[in-house]
Each structure stands twice: as structure tokens, then as C-alpha cells.
């Protein structure tokens, strides 16, 4: 087993490249961090019909079209009408975050970036 496989475990299965130099360069290494944290929320939602208004509207539309179809509300396990406000369920406050670490070694041709 190669030394690289011992060092990196299962990650070495796809190959590991290790670059070594005979001597390093003395100097300053810079580390920077950029981050963002925020919340998002819908600004203005349209007024929606409730379940009773929707069924009344749809049944009137069917009647005006000459159809005998009548929509009936669904009931939950307690026998109460089901009335879900989908706008409240879908448009909730959202959280987002982003992080970026950058490592700038002394050698100008090398830049290492870590994203989250």
C-alpha cells in the first residue's frame, strides 16, 4: 500500500497528487474570508380565495357552463372541512448563508479557495 493511500484513506482510491519542493519560500501567507448570512421573505402576496369562496366560484362556473358537476369539500379525520392556506405553507421566511476562505501562499501562482 502506498503512503498516500495510508494518509488519505478511501479518498486516495481516485488518486492523490502530492507536490513537494526541495525547499519552501519564506514569507507571509494571506488568508481571507468572505461570508454572507441573510433571510428572505416574500414582500407582497396576492389576496387568495379561501376554500369556501373557491368552491362557490367553481360550482357557479360549472352551472353557468351548463354542467351538472358539483364540487364537494374534503373532510379531515374529525369531519371538519380541509382548508389549507398554501401561500402560508409555501412562502415562508428563508435562510441563506455562504462562506469562502481563500489561502494565498507566498508563491504568486498558487491560490487555494474553499467554498461552503
PDB file of N, CA and C in Angstrom:
ATOM      1  N   UNK A   1       0.860  -1.171   0.000  1.00  0.00           N
ATOM      2  CA  UNK A   1       0.000   0.000   0.000  1.00  0.00           C
ATOM      3  C   UNK A   1       0.904   1.231   0.000  1.00  0.00           C
ATOM      4  N   UNK A   2       0.508   2.219  -0.774  1.00  0.00           N
ATOM      5  CA  UNK A   2       1.306   3.426  -0.875  1.00  0.00           C
ATOM      6  C   UNK A   2       1.101   4.328   0.338  1.00  0.00           C
ATOM      7  N   UNK A   3       2.077   5.150   0.590  1.00  0.00           N
ATOM      8  CA  UNK A   3       1.995   6.087   1.699  1.00  0.00           C
ATOM      9  C   UNK A   3       0.826   7.051   1.529  1.00  0.00           C
ATOM     10  N   UNK A   4       0.548   7.468   0.273  1.00  0.00           N
ATOM     11  CA  UNK A   4      -0.559   8.387   0.031  1.00  0.00           C
ATOM     12  C   UNK A   4      -1.894   7.749   0.414  1.00  0.00           C
ATOM     13  N   UNK A   5      -2.072   6.475   0.137  1.00  0.00           N
ATOM     14  CA  UNK A   5      -3.311   5.803   0.484  1.00  0.00           C
ATOM     15  C   UNK A   5      -3.466   5.709   2.001  1.00  0.00           C
ATOM     16  N   UNK A   6      -2.377   5.525   2.718  1.00  0.00           N
ATOM     17  CA  UNK A   6      -2.455   5.499   4.170  1.00  0.00           C
ATOM     18  C   UNK A   6      -2.833   6.870   4.721  1.00  0.00           C
ATOM     19  N   UNK A   7      -2.306   7.925   4.105  1.00  0.00           N
ATOM     20  CA  UNK A   7      -2.564   9.275   4.585  1.00  0.00           C
ATOM     21  C   UNK A   7      -3.997   9.717   4.326  1.00  0.00           C
ATOM     22  N   UNK A   8      -4.557   9.361   3.156  1.00  0.00           N
ATOM     23  CA  UNK A   8      -5.847   9.884   2.750  1.00  0.00           C
ATOM     24  C   UNK A   8      -6.977   8.859   2.800  1.00  0.00           C
ATOM     25  N   UNK A   9      -6.716   7.631   3.147  1.00  0.00           N
ATOM     26  CA  UNK A   9      -7.754   6.619   3.306  1.00  0.00           C
ATOM     27  C   UNK A   9      -8.494   6.349   2.018  1.00  0.00           C
ATOM     28  N   UNK A  10      -9.824   6.270   2.093  1.00  0.00           N
ATOM     29  CA  UNK A  10     -10.631   5.923   0.927  1.00  0.00           C
ATOM     30  C   UNK A  10     -10.601   7.018  -0.132  1.00  0.00           C
ATOM     31  N   UNK A  11     -10.243   8.237   0.227  1.00  0.00           N
ATOM     32  CA  UNK A  11     -10.176   9.313  -0.757  1.00  0.00           C
ATOM     33  C   UNK A  11      -9.035   9.086  -1.744  1.00  0.00           C
ATOM     34  N   UNK A  12      -8.079   8.268  -1.393  1.00  0.00           N
ATOM     35  CA  UNK A  12      -6.959   8.003  -2.293  1.00  0.00           C
ATOM     36  C   UNK A  12      -7.345   7.033  -3.396  1.00  0.00           C
ATOM     37  N   UNK A  13      -8.541   6.462  -3.340  1.00  0.00           N
ATOM     38  CA  UNK A  13      -8.967   5.500  -4.353  1.00  0.00           C
ATOM     39  C   UNK A  13      -9.028   6.137  -5.740  1.00  0.00           C
ATOM     40  N   UNK A  14      -9.380   7.407  -5.821  1.00  0.00           N
ATOM     41  CA  UNK A  14      -9.450   8.086  -7.106  1.00  0.00           C
ATOM     42  C   UNK A  14      -8.147   8.783  -7.465  1.00  0.00           C
ATOM     43  N   UNK A  15      -7.166   8.684  -6.644  1.00  0.00           N
ATOM     44  CA  UNK A  15      -5.862   9.268  -6.926  1.00  0.00           C
ATOM     45  C   UNK A  15      -5.605  10.509  -6.100  1.00  0.00           C
ATOM     46  N   UNK A  16      -4.395  10.653  -5.653  1.00  0.00           N
ATOM     47  CA  UNK A  16      -3.966  11.816  -4.889  1.00  0.00           C
ATOM     48  C   UNK A  16      -2.675  12.309  -5.514  1.00  0.00           C
ATOM     49  N   UNK A  17      -2.585  13.590  -5.713  1.00  0.00           N
ATOM     50  CA  UNK A  17      -1.361  14.177  -6.237  1.00  0.00           C
ATOM     51  C   UNK A  17      -0.724  14.979  -5.114  1.00  0.00           C
ATOM     52  N   UNK A  18       0.501  14.642  -4.798  1.00  0.00           N
ATOM     53  CA  UNK A  18       1.244  15.373  -3.780  1.00  0.00           C
ATOM     54  C   UNK A  18       2.433  16.022  -4.478  1.00  0.00           C
ATOM     55  N   UNK A  19       2.516  17.341  -4.335  1.00  0.00           N
ATOM     56  CA  UNK A  19       3.624  18.072  -4.943  1.00  0.00           C
ATOM     57  C   UNK A  19       4.551  18.508  -3.823  1.00  0.00           C
ATOM     58  N   UNK A  20       5.809  18.143  -3.951  1.00  0.00           N
ATOM     59  CA  UNK A  20       6.791  18.531  -2.949  1.00  0.00           C
ATOM     60  C   UNK A  20       7.886  19.350  -3.615  1.00  0.00           C
ATOM     61  N   UNK A  21       8.482  20.237  -2.860  1.00  0.00           N
ATOM     62  CA  UNK A  21       9.611  21.011  -3.350  1.00  0.00           C
ATOM     63  C   UNK A  21      10.796  20.749  -2.444  1.00  0.00           C
ATOM     64  N   UNK A  22      11.953  21.042  -2.955  1.00  0.00           N
ATOM     65  CA  UNK A  22      13.151  20.795  -2.142  1.00  0.00           C
ATOM     66  C   UNK A  22      13.275  21.794  -1.008  1.00  0.00           C
ATOM     67  N   UNK A  23      12.781  22.987  -1.240  1.00  0.00           N
ATOM     68  CA  UNK A  23      12.800  23.969  -0.158  1.00  0.00           C
ATOM     69  C   UNK A  23      11.643  24.941  -0.339  1.00  0.00           C
ATOM     70  N   UNK A  24      11.083  25.372   0.735  1.00  0.00           N
ATOM     71  CA  UNK A  24       9.967  26.305   0.680  1.00  0.00           C
ATOM     72  C   UNK A  24      10.452  27.737   0.669  1.00  0.00           C
ATOM     73  N   UNK A  25       9.567  28.613   0.294  1.00  0.00           N
ATOM     74  CA  UNK A  25       9.909  30.031   0.279  1.00  0.00           C
ATOM     75  C   UNK A  25       9.413  30.669   1.575  1.00  0.00           C
ATOM     76  N   UNK A  26      10.271  31.428   2.201  1.00  0.00           N
ATOM     77  CA  UNK A  26       9.886  32.115   3.427  1.00  0.00           C
ATOM     78  C   UNK A  26       9.098  33.359   3.057  1.00  0.00           C
ATOM     79  N   UNK A  27       8.084  33.661   3.819  1.00  0.00           N
ATOM     80  CA  UNK A  27       7.306  34.856   3.541  1.00  0.00           C
ATOM     81  C   UNK A  27       5.959  34.793   4.222  1.00  0.00           C
ATOM     82  N   UNK A  28       5.138  35.741   3.884  1.00  0.00           N
ATOM     83  CA  UNK A  28       3.819  35.841   4.501  1.00  0.00           C
ATOM     84  C   UNK A  28       2.779  35.125   3.664  1.00  0.00           C
ATOM     85  N   UNK A  29       1.913  34.417   4.332  1.00  0.00           N
ATOM     86  CA  UNK A  29       0.769  33.783   3.691  1.00  0.00           C
ATOM     87  C   UNK A  29      -0.466  34.562   4.118  1.00  0.00           C
ATOM     88  N   UNK A  30      -1.314  34.911   3.133  1.00  0.00           N
ATOM     89  CA  UNK A  30      -2.523  35.664   3.434  1.00  0.00           C
ATOM     90  C   UNK A  30      -3.719  34.718   3.463  1.00  0.00           C
ATOM     91  N   UNK A  31      -4.612  34.953   4.388  1.00  0.00           N
ATOM     92  CA  UNK A  31      -5.864  34.213   4.477  1.00  0.00           C
ATOM     93  C   UNK A  31      -6.993  35.240   4.496  1.00  0.00           C
ATOM     94  N   UNK A  32      -7.973  35.058   3.602  1.00  0.00           N
ATOM     95  CA  UNK A  32      -9.121  35.960   3.592  1.00  0.00           C
ATOM     96  C   UNK A  32     -10.397  35.149   3.766  1.00  0.00           C
ATOM     97  N   UNK A  33     -11.422  35.811   4.263  1.00  0.00           N
ATOM     98  CA  UNK A  33     -12.723  35.186   4.459  1.00  0.00           C
ATOM     99  C   UNK A  33     -13.798  36.139   3.960  1.00  0.00           C
ATOM    100  N   UNK A  34     -14.682  35.622   3.137  1.00  0.00           N
ATOM    101  CA  UNK A  34     -15.860  36.363   2.700  1.00  0.00           C
ATOM    102  C   UNK A  34     -17.074  35.556   3.130  1.00  0.00           C
ATOM    103  N   UNK A  35     -18.032  36.205   3.757  1.00  0.00           N
ATOM    104  CA  UNK A  35     -19.202  35.478   4.215  1.00  0.00           C
ATOM    105  C   UNK A  35     -20.463  36.292   4.054  1.00  0.00           C
ATOM    106  N   UNK A  36     -21.560  35.583   3.981  1.00  0.00           N
ATOM    107  CA  UNK A  36     -22.871  36.204   3.828  1.00  0.00           C
ATOM    108  C   UNK A  36     -23.886  35.384   4.599  1.00  0.00           C
ATOM    109  N   UNK A  37     -24.741  36.060   5.326  1.00  0.00           N
ATOM    110  CA  UNK A  37     -25.854  35.427   6.012  1.00  0.00           C
ATOM    111  C   UNK A  37     -27.067  36.319   5.786  1.00  0.00           C
ATOM    112  N   UNK A  38     -28.185  35.707   5.434  1.00  0.00           N
ATOM    113  CA  UNK A  38     -29.363  36.525   5.182  1.00  0.00           C
ATOM    114  C   UNK A  38     -30.653  35.747   5.284  1.00  0.00           C
ATOM    115  N   UNK A  39     -31.729  36.497   5.349  1.00  0.00           N
ATOM    116  CA  UNK A  39     -33.065  35.938   5.370  1.00  0.00           C
ATOM    117  C   UNK A  39     -33.842  36.553   4.220  1.00  0.00           C
ATOM    118  N   UNK A  40     -34.732  35.782   3.654  1.00  0.00           N
ATOM    119  CA  UNK A  40     -35.580  36.303   2.581  1.00  0.00           C
ATOM    120  C   UNK A  40     -37.035  36.022   2.922  1.00  0.00           C
ATOM    121  N   UNK A  41     -37.864  36.950   2.513  1.00  0.00           N
ATOM    122  CA  UNK A  41     -39.290  36.824   2.807  1.00  0.00           C
ATOM    123  C   UNK A  41     -40.060  37.467   1.659  1.00  0.00           C
ATOM    124  N   UNK A  42     -41.182  36.892   1.296  1.00  0.00           N
ATOM    125  CA  UNK A  42     -41.999  37.453   0.228  1.00  0.00           C
ATOM    126  C   UNK A  42     -42.503  38.826   0.641  1.00  0.00           C
ATOM    127  N   UNK A  43     -42.408  39.764  -0.281  1.00  0.00           N
ATOM    128  CA  UNK A  43     -42.773  41.146   0.026  1.00  0.00           C
ATOM    129  C   UNK A  43     -44.275  41.366  -0.005  1.00  0.00           C
ATOM    130  N   UNK A  44     -44.910  40.938  -1.087  1.00  0.00           N
ATOM    131  CA  UNK A  44     -46.348  41.180  -1.209  1.00  0.00           C
ATOM    132  C   UNK A  44     -46.995  39.951  -1.831  1.00  0.00           C
ATOM    133  N   UNK A  45     -47.896  39.349  -1.110  1.00  0.00           N
ATOM    134  CA  UNK A  45     -48.624  38.195  -1.625  1.00  0.00           C
ATOM    135  C   UNK A  45     -50.032  38.631  -2.024  1.00  0.00           C
ATOM    136  N   UNK A  46     -50.535  38.050  -3.083  1.00  0.00           N
ATOM    137  CA  UNK A  46     -51.884  38.369  -3.538  1.00  0.00           C
ATOM    138  C   UNK A  46     -52.914  37.821  -2.563  1.00  0.00           C
ATOM    139  N   UNK A  47     -54.028  38.503  -2.485  1.00  0.00           N
ATOM    140  CA  UNK A  47     -55.149  38.001  -1.694  1.00  0.00           C
ATOM    141  C   UNK A  47     -55.728  36.794  -2.426  1.00  0.00           C
ATOM    142  N   UNK A  48     -55.875  35.699  -1.718  1.00  0.00           N
ATOM    143  CA  UNK A  48     -56.382  34.473  -2.309  1.00  0.00           C
ATOM    144  C   UNK A  48     -57.769  34.172  -1.743  1.00  0.00           C
ATOM    145  N   UNK A  49     -58.538  33.406  -2.520  1.00  0.00           N
ATOM    146  CA  UNK A  49     -59.834  32.937  -2.026  1.00  0.00           C
ATOM    147  C   UNK A  49     -59.603  31.876  -0.964  1.00  0.00           C
ATOM    148  N   UNK A  50     -60.495  31.822   0.015  1.00  0.00           N
ATOM    149  CA  UNK A  50     -60.427  30.702   0.941  1.00  0.00           C
ATOM    150  C   UNK A  50     -61.151  29.515   0.292  1.00  0.00           C
ATOM    151  N   UNK A  51     -61.171  28.388   0.946  1.00  0.00           N
ATOM    152  CA  UNK A  51     -61.738  27.173   0.347  1.00  0.00           C
ATOM    153  C   UNK A  51     -63.226  27.330   0.034  1.00  0.00           C
ATOM    154  N   UNK A  52     -64.000  27.947   0.929  1.00  0.00           N
ATOM    155  CA  UNK A  52     -65.438  28.133   0.672  1.00  0.00           C
ATOM    156  C   UNK A  52     -65.672  29.021  -0.546  1.00  0.00           C
ATOM    157  N   UNK A  53     -64.929  30.119  -0.641  1.00  0.00           N
ATOM    158  CA  UNK A  53     -65.068  31.016  -1.787  1.00  0.00           C
ATOM    159  C   UNK A  53     -64.685  30.315  -3.094  1.00  0.00           C
ATOM    160  N   UNK A  54     -63.612  29.512  -3.048  1.00  0.00           N
ATOM    161  CA  UNK A  54     -63.168  28.805  -4.252  1.00  0.00           C
ATOM    162  C   UNK A  54     -64.240  27.819  -4.740  1.00  0.00           C
ATOM    163  N   UNK A  55     -64.791  27.022  -3.834  1.00  0.00           N
ATOM    164  CA  UNK A  55     -65.804  26.040  -4.233  1.00  0.00           C
ATOM    165  C   UNK A  55     -67.074  26.724  -4.739  1.00  0.00           C
ATOM    166  N   UNK A  56     -67.465  27.820  -4.118  1.00  0.00           N
ATOM    167  CA  UNK A  56     -68.631  28.575  -4.597  1.00  0.00           C
ATOM    168  C   UNK A  56     -68.379  29.094  -6.007  1.00  0.00           C
ATOM    169  N   UNK A  57     -67.198  29.647  -6.234  1.00  0.00           N
ATOM    170  CA  UNK A  57     -66.837  30.187  -7.545  1.00  0.00           C
ATOM    171  C   UNK A  57     -66.807  29.093  -8.612  1.00  0.00           C
ATOM    172  N   UNK A  58     -66.173  27.962  -8.310  1.00  0.00           N
ATOM    173  CA  UNK A  58     -66.074  26.866  -9.285  1.00  0.00           C
ATOM    174  C   UNK A  58     -67.439  26.246  -9.575  1.00  0.00           C
ATOM    175  N   UNK A  59     -68.261  26.061  -8.569  1.00  0.00           N
ATOM    176  CA  UNK A  59     -69.596  25.497  -8.799  1.00  0.00           C
ATOM    177  C   UNK A  59     -70.472  26.434  -9.625  1.00  0.00           C
ATOM    178  N   UNK A  60     -70.341  27.750  -9.399  1.00  0.00           N
ATOM    179  CA  UNK A  60     -71.066  28.723 -10.216  1.00  0.00           C
ATOM    180  C   UNK A  60     -70.581  28.662 -11.671  1.00  0.00           C
ATOM    181  N   UNK A  61     -69.260  28.521 -11.856  1.00  0.00           N
ATOM    182  CA  UNK A  61     -68.716  28.414 -13.219  1.00  0.00           C
ATOM    183  C   UNK A  61     -69.243  27.162 -13.911  1.00  0.00           C
ATOM    184  N   UNK A  62     -69.284  26.034 -13.214  1.00  0.00           N
ATOM    185  CA  UNK A  62     -69.836  24.800 -13.806  1.00  0.00           C
ATOM    186  C   UNK A  62     -71.316  24.977 -14.155  1.00  0.00           C
ATOM    187  N   UNK A  63     -72.074  25.614 -13.254  1.00  0.00           N
ATOM    188  CA  UNK A  63     -73.509  25.819 -13.501  1.00  0.00           C
ATOM    189  C   UNK A  63     -73.717  26.735 -14.712  1.00  0.00           C
ATOM    190  N   UNK A  64     -72.916  27.791 -14.834  1.00  0.00           N
ATOM    191  CA  UNK A  64     -73.035  28.715 -15.965  1.00  0.00           C
ATOM    192  C   UNK A  64     -72.653  28.036 -17.283  1.00  0.00           C
ATOM    193  N   UNK A  65     -71.798  27.022 -17.212  1.00  0.00           N
ATOM    194  CA  UNK A  65     -71.394  26.293 -18.418  1.00  0.00           C
ATOM    195  C   UNK A  65     -72.387  25.195 -18.770  1.00  0.00           C
ATOM    196  N   UNK A  66     -73.430  25.027 -17.968  1.00  0.00           N
ATOM    197  CA  UNK A  66     -74.436  24.007 -18.227  1.00  0.00           C
ATOM    198  C   UNK A  66     -74.047  22.626 -17.751  1.00  0.00           C
ATOM    199  N   UNK A  67     -73.036  22.546 -16.891  1.00  0.00           N
ATOM    200  CA  UNK A  67     -72.584  21.253 -16.386  1.00  0.00           C
ATOM    201  C   UNK A  67     -73.325  20.919 -15.093  1.00  0.00           C
ATOM    202  N   UNK A  68     -73.513  19.644 -14.877  1.00  0.00           N
ATOM    203  CA  UNK A  68     -74.150  19.209 -13.632  1.00  0.00           C
ATOM    204  C   UNK A  68     -73.106  18.853 -12.568  1.00  0.00           C
ATOM    205  N   UNK A  69     -71.832  19.101 -12.854  1.00  0.00           N
ATOM    206  CA  UNK A  69     -70.753  18.793 -11.902  1.00  0.00           C
ATOM    207  C   UNK A  69     -70.832  19.732 -10.710  1.00  0.00           C
ATOM    208  N   UNK A  70     -70.726  19.162  -9.530  1.00  0.00           N
ATOM    209  CA  UNK A  70     -70.706  19.944  -8.296  1.00  0.00           C
ATOM    210  C   UNK A  70     -69.502  19.488  -7.473  1.00  0.00           C
ATOM    211  N   UNK A  71     -68.658  20.436  -7.113  1.00  0.00           N
ATOM    212  CA  UNK A  71     -67.502  20.119  -6.274  1.00  0.00           C
ATOM    213  C   UNK A  71     -67.913  20.099  -4.816  1.00  0.00           C
ATOM    214  N   UNK A  72     -67.390  19.134  -4.077  1.00  0.00           N
ATOM    215  CA  UNK A  72     -67.699  18.983  -2.656  1.00  0.00           C
ATOM    216  C   UNK A  72     -66.386  19.037  -1.893  1.00  0.00           C
ATOM    217  N   UNK A  73     -66.396  19.729  -0.770  1.00  0.00           N
ATOM    218  CA  UNK A  73     -65.173  19.863   0.032  1.00  0.00           C
ATOM    219  C   UNK A  73     -64.795  18.553   0.694  1.00  0.00           C
ATOM    220  N   UNK A  74     -63.495  18.341   0.808  1.00  0.00           N
ATOM    221  CA  UNK A  74     -62.982  17.160   1.504  1.00  0.00           C
ATOM    222  C   UNK A  74     -63.031  17.410   3.010  1.00  0.00           C
ATOM    223  N   UNK A  75     -63.172  16.324   3.763  1.00  0.00           N
ATOM    224  CA  UNK A  75     -63.213  16.409   5.215  1.00  0.00           C
ATOM    225  C   UNK A  75     -62.010  15.692   5.801  1.00  0.00           C
ATOM    226  N   UNK A  76     -61.517  16.203   6.927  1.00  0.00           N
ATOM    227  CA  UNK A  76     -60.405  15.530   7.590  1.00  0.00           C
ATOM    228  C   UNK A  76     -60.937  14.407   8.479  1.00  0.00           C
ATOM    229  N   UNK A  77     -60.072  13.791   9.273  1.00  0.00           N
ATOM    230  CA  UNK A  77     -60.454  12.649  10.107  1.00  0.00           C
ATOM    231  C   UNK A  77     -61.494  13.022  11.163  1.00  0.00           C
ATOM    232  N   UNK A  78     -61.556  14.294  11.559  1.00  0.00           N
ATOM    233  CA  UNK A  78     -62.528  14.739  12.566  1.00  0.00           C
ATOM    234  C   UNK A  78     -63.844  15.183  11.943  1.00  0.00           C
ATOM    235  N   UNK A  79     -63.936  15.140  10.608  1.00  0.00           N
ATOM    236  CA  UNK A  79     -65.151  15.571   9.939  1.00  0.00           C
ATOM    237  C   UNK A  79     -65.177  17.052   9.625  1.00  0.00           C
ATOM    238  N   UNK A  80     -64.099  17.756   9.901  1.00  0.00           N
ATOM    239  CA  UNK A  80     -64.010  19.184   9.599  1.00  0.00           C
ATOM    240  C   UNK A  80     -63.538  19.382   8.158  1.00  0.00           C
ATOM    241  N   UNK A  81     -64.001  20.451   7.507  1.00  0.00           N
ATOM    242  CA  UNK A  81     -63.548  20.712   6.137  1.00  0.00           C
ATOM    243  C   UNK A  81     -62.041  21.003   6.097  1.00  0.00           C
ATOM    244  N   UNK A  82     -61.379  20.478   5.076  1.00  0.00           N
ATOM    245  CA  UNK A  82     -59.945  20.726   4.908  1.00  0.00           C
ATOM    246  C   UNK A  82     -59.787  22.103   4.274  1.00  0.00           C
ATOM    247  N   UNK A  83     -58.988  22.956   4.892  1.00  0.00           N
ATOM    248  CA  UNK A  83     -58.747  24.305   4.376  1.00  0.00           C
ATOM    249  C   UNK A  83     -57.281  24.653   4.611  1.00  0.00           C
ATOM    250  N   UNK A  84     -56.460  24.396   3.623  1.00  0.00           N
ATOM    251  CA  UNK A  84     -55.033  24.684   3.730  1.00  0.00           C
ATOM    252  C   UNK A  84     -54.736  25.989   3.008  1.00  0.00           C
ATOM    253  N   UNK A  85     -54.099  26.908   3.679  1.00  0.00           N
ATOM    254  CA  UNK A  85     -53.644  28.141   3.042  1.00  0.00           C
ATOM    255  C   UNK A  85     -52.261  27.863   2.467  1.00  0.00           C
ATOM    256  N   UNK A  86     -52.214  27.526   1.184  1.00  0.00           N
ATOM    257  CA  UNK A  86     -50.955  27.094   0.565  1.00  0.00           C
ATOM    258  C   UNK A  86     -49.938  28.218   0.482  1.00  0.00           C
ATOM    259  N   UNK A  87     -50.392  29.447   0.407  1.00  0.00           N
ATOM    260  CA  UNK A  87     -49.441  30.562   0.380  1.00  0.00           C
ATOM    261  C   UNK A  87     -48.651  30.614   1.684  1.00  0.00           C
ATOM    262  N   UNK A  88     -49.318  30.373   2.815  1.00  0.00           N
ATOM    263  CA  UNK A  88     -48.610  30.339   4.098  1.00  0.00           C
ATOM    264  C   UNK A  88     -47.643  29.160   4.163  1.00  0.00           C
ATOM    265  N   UNK A  89     -48.000  28.049   3.545  1.00  0.00           N
ATOM    266  CA  UNK A  89     -47.154  26.867   3.579  1.00  0.00           C
ATOM    267  C   UNK A  89     -45.930  27.015   2.668  1.00  0.00           C
ATOM    268  N   UNK A  90     -46.111  27.628   1.504  1.00  0.00           N
ATOM    269  CA  UNK A  90     -45.035  27.706   0.515  1.00  0.00           C
ATOM    270  C   UNK A  90     -44.129  28.902   0.746  1.00  0.00           C
ATOM    271  N   UNK A  91     -44.698  30.063   1.007  1.00  0.00           N
ATOM    272  CA  UNK A  91     -43.910  31.294   1.130  1.00  0.00           C
ATOM    273  C   UNK A  91     -43.542  31.551   2.581  1.00  0.00           C
ATOM    274  N   UNK A  92     -42.546  30.833   3.062  1.00  0.00           N
ATOM    275  CA  UNK A  92     -42.073  31.034   4.420  1.00  0.00           C
ATOM    276  C   UNK A  92     -40.747  31.791   4.388  1.00  0.00           C
ATOM    277  N   UNK A  93     -40.360  32.314   5.515  1.00  0.00           N
ATOM    278  CA  UNK A  93     -39.096  33.038   5.607  1.00  0.00           C
ATOM    279  C   UNK A  93     -37.950  32.065   5.350  1.00  0.00           C
ATOM    280  N   UNK A  94     -37.015  32.460   4.501  1.00  0.00           N
ATOM    281  CA  UNK A  94     -35.903  31.583   4.137  1.00  0.00           C
ATOM    282  C   UNK A  94     -34.581  32.082   4.689  1.00  0.00           C
ATOM    283  N   UNK A  95     -33.691  31.171   4.956  1.00  0.00           N
ATOM    284  CA  UNK A  95     -32.355  31.469   5.477  1.00  0.00           C
ATOM    285  C   UNK A  95     -31.327  31.061   4.438  1.00  0.00           C
ATOM    286  N   UNK A  96     -30.316  31.875   4.237  1.00  0.00           N
ATOM    287  CA  UNK A  96     -29.234  31.513   3.324  1.00  0.00           C
ATOM    288  C   UNK A  96     -27.908  31.962   3.909  1.00  0.00           C
ATOM    289  N   UNK A  97     -26.861  31.202   3.597  1.00  0.00           N
ATOM    290  CA  UNK A  97     -25.517  31.520   4.083  1.00  0.00           C
ATOM    291  C   UNK A  97     -24.498  31.061   3.058  1.00  0.00           C
ATOM    292  N   UNK A  98     -23.398  31.782   2.990  1.00  0.00           N
ATOM    293  CA  UNK A  98     -22.325  31.409   2.079  1.00  0.00           C
ATOM    294  C   UNK A  98     -21.008  31.791   2.734  1.00  0.00           C
ATOM    295  N   UNK A  99     -20.006  30.934   2.595  1.00  0.00           N
ATOM    296  CA  UNK A  99     -18.686  31.192   3.149  1.00  0.00           C
ATOM    297  C   UNK A  99     -17.630  30.890   2.103  1.00  0.00           C
ATOM    298  N   UNK A 100     -16.572  31.662   2.109  1.00  0.00           N
ATOM    299  CA  UNK A 100     -15.466  31.429   1.186  1.00  0.00           C
ATOM    300  C   UNK A 100     -14.164  31.784   1.889  1.00  0.00           C
ATOM    301  N   UNK A 101     -13.311  30.800   2.062  1.00  0.00           N
ATOM    302  CA  UNK A 101     -11.975  31.018   2.604  1.00  0.00           C
ATOM    303  C   UNK A 101     -10.992  30.992   1.445  1.00  0.00           C
ATOM    304  N   UNK A 102     -10.058  31.917   1.426  1.00  0.00           N
ATOM    305  CA  UNK A 102      -9.008  31.927   0.405  1.00  0.00           C
ATOM    306  C   UNK A 102      -7.661  31.933   1.097  1.00  0.00           C
ATOM    307  N   UNK A 103      -6.792  31.082   0.608  1.00  0.00           N
ATOM    308  CA  UNK A 103      -5.443  30.960   1.150  1.00  0.00           C
ATOM    309  C   UNK A 103      -4.476  31.341   0.047  1.00  0.00           C
ATOM    310  N   UNK A 104      -3.684  32.378   0.276  1.00  0.00           N
ATOM    311  CA  UNK A 104      -2.704  32.841  -0.700  1.00  0.00           C
ATOM    312  C   UNK A 104      -1.310  32.575  -0.162  1.00  0.00           C
ATOM    313  N   UNK A 105      -0.674  31.481  -0.576  1.00  0.00           N
ATOM    314  CA  UNK A 105       0.701  31.230  -0.149  1.00  0.00           C
ATOM    315  C   UNK A 105       1.638  32.289  -0.735  1.00  0.00           C
ATOM    316  N   UNK A 106       2.876  32.263  -0.304  1.00  0.00           N
ATOM    317  CA  UNK A 106       3.871  33.232  -0.760  1.00  0.00           C
ATOM    318  C   UNK A 106       4.074  33.161  -2.270  1.00  0.00           C
ATOM    319  N   UNK A 107       3.952  31.975  -2.848  1.00  0.00           N
ATOM    320  CA  UNK A 107       4.147  31.834  -4.285  1.00  0.00           C
ATOM    321  C   UNK A 107       2.955  32.453  -5.007  1.00  0.00           C
ATOM    322  N   UNK A 108       3.167  33.417  -5.906  1.00  0.00           N
ATOM    323  CA  UNK A 108       2.044  34.129  -6.511  1.00  0.00           C
ATOM    324  C   UNK A 108       1.195  33.283  -7.466  1.00  0.00           C
ATOM    325  N   UNK A 109       1.703  32.202  -7.956  1.00  0.00           N
ATOM    326  CA  UNK A 109       0.952  31.394  -8.920  1.00  0.00           C
ATOM    327  C   UNK A 109      -0.016  30.437  -8.248  1.00  0.00           C
ATOM    328  N   UNK A 110      -0.008  30.357  -6.939  1.00  0.00           N
ATOM    329  CA  UNK A 110      -0.837  29.393  -6.223  1.00  0.00           C
ATOM    330  C   UNK A 110      -1.905  30.139  -5.420  1.00  0.00           C
ATOM    331  N   UNK A 111      -3.139  29.701  -5.575  1.00  0.00           N
ATOM    332  CA  UNK A 111      -4.256  30.242  -4.808  1.00  0.00           C
ATOM    333  C   UNK A 111      -5.157  29.072  -4.446  1.00  0.00           C
ATOM    334  N   UNK A 112      -5.512  28.939  -3.190  1.00  0.00           N
ATOM    335  CA  UNK A 112      -6.353  27.844  -2.719  1.00  0.00           C
ATOM    336  C   UNK A 112      -7.643  28.454  -2.193  1.00  0.00           C
ATOM    337  N   UNK A 113      -8.799  27.947  -2.681  1.00  0.00           N
ATOM    338  CA  UNK A 113     -10.098  28.508  -2.289  1.00  0.00           C
ATOM    339  C   UNK A 113     -10.976  27.377  -1.734  1.00  0.00           C
ATOM    340  N   UNK A 114     -11.628  27.633  -0.622  1.00  0.00           N
ATOM    341  CA  UNK A 114     -12.554  26.689  -0.006  1.00  0.00           C
ATOM    342  C   UNK A 114     -13.922  27.349   0.052  1.00  0.00           C
ATOM    343  N   UNK A 115     -14.936  26.707  -0.546  1.00  0.00           N
ATOM    344  CA  UNK A 115     -16.313  27.210  -0.524  1.00  0.00           C
ATOM    345  C   UNK A 115     -17.165  26.342   0.378  1.00  0.00           C
ATOM    346  N   UNK A 116     -18.152  26.923   0.941  1.00  0.00           N
ATOM    347  CA  UNK A 116     -19.156  26.145   1.677  1.00  0.00           C
ATOM    348  C   UNK A 116     -20.507  26.498   1.142  1.00  0.00           C
TER     349      UNK A 116
END
